């Protein structure tokens, strides 16, 4: 499977997650899990604790931005090889 096919599969899954409660739950759970990983990475890179409120807020904002960007991209007209660019 090439990159375009993988992106199209991702697009379809994200689109389905809007209307399928079970898939939506998995999508949101994956983002919930990613938040802790992002907090760990931020903490490691800034010599702060992953439990620090500011670190957790930064991780949450980053995670939400990634989720919203992926959902926005999935709902756009068919452009399987282009990912969204922030600020456009």
C-alpha atoms as a PDB file:
ATOM      1  CA  UNK A   1       0.000   0.000   0.000  1.00  0.00           C
ATOM      2  CA  UNK A   2       1.516   3.341  -1.002  1.00  0.00           C
ATOM      3  CA  UNK A   3       1.255   6.654   0.851  1.00  0.00           C
ATOM      4  CA  UNK A   4      -1.749   7.885  -1.135  1.00  0.00           C
ATOM      5  CA  UNK A   5      -3.669   4.696  -0.356  1.00  0.00           C
ATOM      6  CA  UNK A   6      -2.808   4.935   3.342  1.00  0.00           C
ATOM      7  CA  UNK A   7      -3.930   8.547   3.477  1.00  0.00           C
ATOM      8  CA  UNK A   8      -7.188   7.675   1.745  1.00  0.00           C
ATOM      9  CA  UNK A   9      -7.794   4.879   4.272  1.00  0.00           C
ATOM     10  CA  UNK A  10      -7.132   7.326   7.107  1.00  0.00           C
ATOM     11  CA  UNK A  11      -9.496   9.867   5.519  1.00  0.00           C
ATOM     12  CA  UNK A  12     -12.280   7.288   5.315  1.00  0.00           C
ATOM     13  CA  UNK A  13     -11.793   6.158   8.912  1.00  0.00           C
ATOM     14  CA  UNK A  14     -11.851   9.726  10.226  1.00  0.00           C
ATOM     15  CA  UNK A  15     -14.978  10.476   8.208  1.00  0.00           C
ATOM     16  CA  UNK A  16     -16.659   7.337   9.540  1.00  0.00           C
ATOM     17  CA  UNK A  17     -15.789   8.314  13.101  1.00  0.00           C
ATOM     18  CA  UNK A  18     -18.241  11.203  12.844  1.00  0.00           C
ATOM     19  CA  UNK A  19     -21.240   8.900  12.451  1.00  0.00           C
ATOM     20  CA  UNK A  20     -20.168   5.598  14.033  1.00  0.00           C
ATOM     21  CA  UNK A  21     -20.207   5.832  17.853  1.00  0.00           C
ATOM     22  CA  UNK A  22     -17.884   2.854  18.359  1.00  0.00           C
ATOM     23  CA  UNK A  23     -15.302   4.186  15.926  1.00  0.00           C
ATOM     24  CA  UNK A  24     -15.639   7.672  17.419  1.00  0.00           C
ATOM     25  CA  UNK A  25     -14.907   6.213  20.860  1.00  0.00           C
ATOM     26  CA  UNK A  26     -11.748   4.529  19.552  1.00  0.00           C
ATOM     27  CA  UNK A  27     -10.663   7.757  17.787  1.00  0.00           C
ATOM     28  CA  UNK A  28     -11.105   9.805  20.963  1.00  0.00           C
ATOM     29  CA  UNK A  29      -9.463   7.133  23.127  1.00  0.00           C
ATOM     30  CA  UNK A  30      -6.421   7.168  20.839  1.00  0.00           C
ATOM     31  CA  UNK A  31      -6.169  10.921  21.290  1.00  0.00           C
ATOM     32  CA  UNK A  32      -6.604  10.583  25.036  1.00  0.00           C
ATOM     33  CA  UNK A  33      -3.721   8.101  25.106  1.00  0.00           C
ATOM     34  CA  UNK A  34      -1.588  10.330  22.883  1.00  0.00           C
ATOM     35  CA  UNK A  35      -1.980  13.229  25.301  1.00  0.00           C
ATOM     36  CA  UNK A  36       0.035  11.439  27.977  1.00  0.00           C
ATOM     37  CA  UNK A  37       2.733  10.571  25.470  1.00  0.00           C
ATOM     38  CA  UNK A  38       2.900  14.190  24.299  1.00  0.00           C
ATOM     39  CA  UNK A  39       3.106  15.387  27.910  1.00  0.00           C
ATOM     40  CA  UNK A  40       6.029  13.028  28.473  1.00  0.00           C
ATOM     41  CA  UNK A  41       7.830  14.335  25.400  1.00  0.00           C
ATOM     42  CA  UNK A  42       7.241  17.960  26.371  1.00  0.00           C
ATOM     43  CA  UNK A  43       8.392  17.273  29.928  1.00  0.00           C
ATOM     44  CA  UNK A  44      11.520  15.500  28.740  1.00  0.00           C
ATOM     45  CA  UNK A  45      12.406  18.312  26.360  1.00  0.00           C
ATOM     46  CA  UNK A  46      11.877  21.051  28.937  1.00  0.00           C
ATOM     47  CA  UNK A  47      13.129  19.388  32.132  1.00  0.00           C
ATOM     48  CA  UNK A  48       9.681  19.607  33.716  1.00  0.00           C
ATOM     49  CA  UNK A  49       7.402  16.950  35.148  1.00  0.00           C
ATOM     50  CA  UNK A  50       4.799  15.341  32.896  1.00  0.00           C
ATOM     51  CA  UNK A  51       2.345  16.024  35.748  1.00  0.00           C
ATOM     52  CA  UNK A  52       3.040  19.767  35.676  1.00  0.00           C
ATOM     53  CA  UNK A  53      -0.199  21.564  34.810  1.00  0.00           C
ATOM     54  CA  UNK A  54       1.465  23.732  32.167  1.00  0.00           C
ATOM     55  CA  UNK A  55       2.948  20.635  30.505  1.00  0.00           C
ATOM     56  CA  UNK A  56      -0.418  18.877  30.539  1.00  0.00           C
ATOM     57  CA  UNK A  57      -2.125  21.952  29.081  1.00  0.00           C
ATOM     58  CA  UNK A  58       0.476  22.219  26.320  1.00  0.00           C
ATOM     59  CA  UNK A  59       0.046  18.528  25.514  1.00  0.00           C
ATOM     60  CA  UNK A  60      -3.731  18.907  25.494  1.00  0.00           C
ATOM     61  CA  UNK A  61      -3.602  21.894  23.165  1.00  0.00           C
ATOM     62  CA  UNK A  62      -1.200  20.141  20.805  1.00  0.00           C
ATOM     63  CA  UNK A  63      -3.289  16.984  20.831  1.00  0.00           C
ATOM     64  CA  UNK A  64      -6.518  18.871  20.169  1.00  0.00           C
ATOM     65  CA  UNK A  65      -4.911  20.837  17.346  1.00  0.00           C
ATOM     66  CA  UNK A  66      -3.725  17.596  15.711  1.00  0.00           C
ATOM     67  CA  UNK A  67      -7.164  15.996  16.075  1.00  0.00           C
ATOM     68  CA  UNK A  68      -8.997  19.024  14.686  1.00  0.00           C
ATOM     69  CA  UNK A  69      -6.544  19.326  11.773  1.00  0.00           C
ATOM     70  CA  UNK A  70      -6.938  15.633  10.884  1.00  0.00           C
ATOM     71  CA  UNK A  71     -10.740  15.888  11.049  1.00  0.00           C
ATOM     72  CA  UNK A  72     -10.720  19.065   8.964  1.00  0.00           C
ATOM     73  CA  UNK A  73      -8.458  17.429   6.360  1.00  0.00           C
ATOM     74  CA  UNK A  74     -10.673  14.339   6.201  1.00  0.00           C
ATOM     75  CA  UNK A  75     -13.736  16.430   5.354  1.00  0.00           C
ATOM     76  CA  UNK A  76     -12.085  18.425   2.575  1.00  0.00           C
ATOM     77  CA  UNK A  77     -12.404  17.616  -1.123  1.00  0.00           C
ATOM     78  CA  UNK A  78     -10.337  14.638  -2.203  1.00  0.00           C
ATOM     79  CA  UNK A  79      -6.626  15.452  -1.877  1.00  0.00           C
ATOM     80  CA  UNK A  80      -5.156  12.140  -0.699  1.00  0.00           C
ATOM     81  CA  UNK A  81      -1.511  13.145  -0.818  1.00  0.00           C
ATOM     82  CA  UNK A  82      -1.758  16.494   0.955  1.00  0.00           C
ATOM     83  CA  UNK A  83      -1.974  16.983   4.696  1.00  0.00           C
ATOM     84  CA  UNK A  84      -3.347  20.196   6.236  1.00  0.00           C
ATOM     85  CA  UNK A  85      -0.990  23.076   6.865  1.00  0.00           C
ATOM     86  CA  UNK A  86      -1.579  25.139   9.990  1.00  0.00           C
ATOM     87  CA  UNK A  87      -2.569  28.726   9.431  1.00  0.00           C
ATOM     88  CA  UNK A  88      -4.156  28.303   6.032  1.00  0.00           C
END
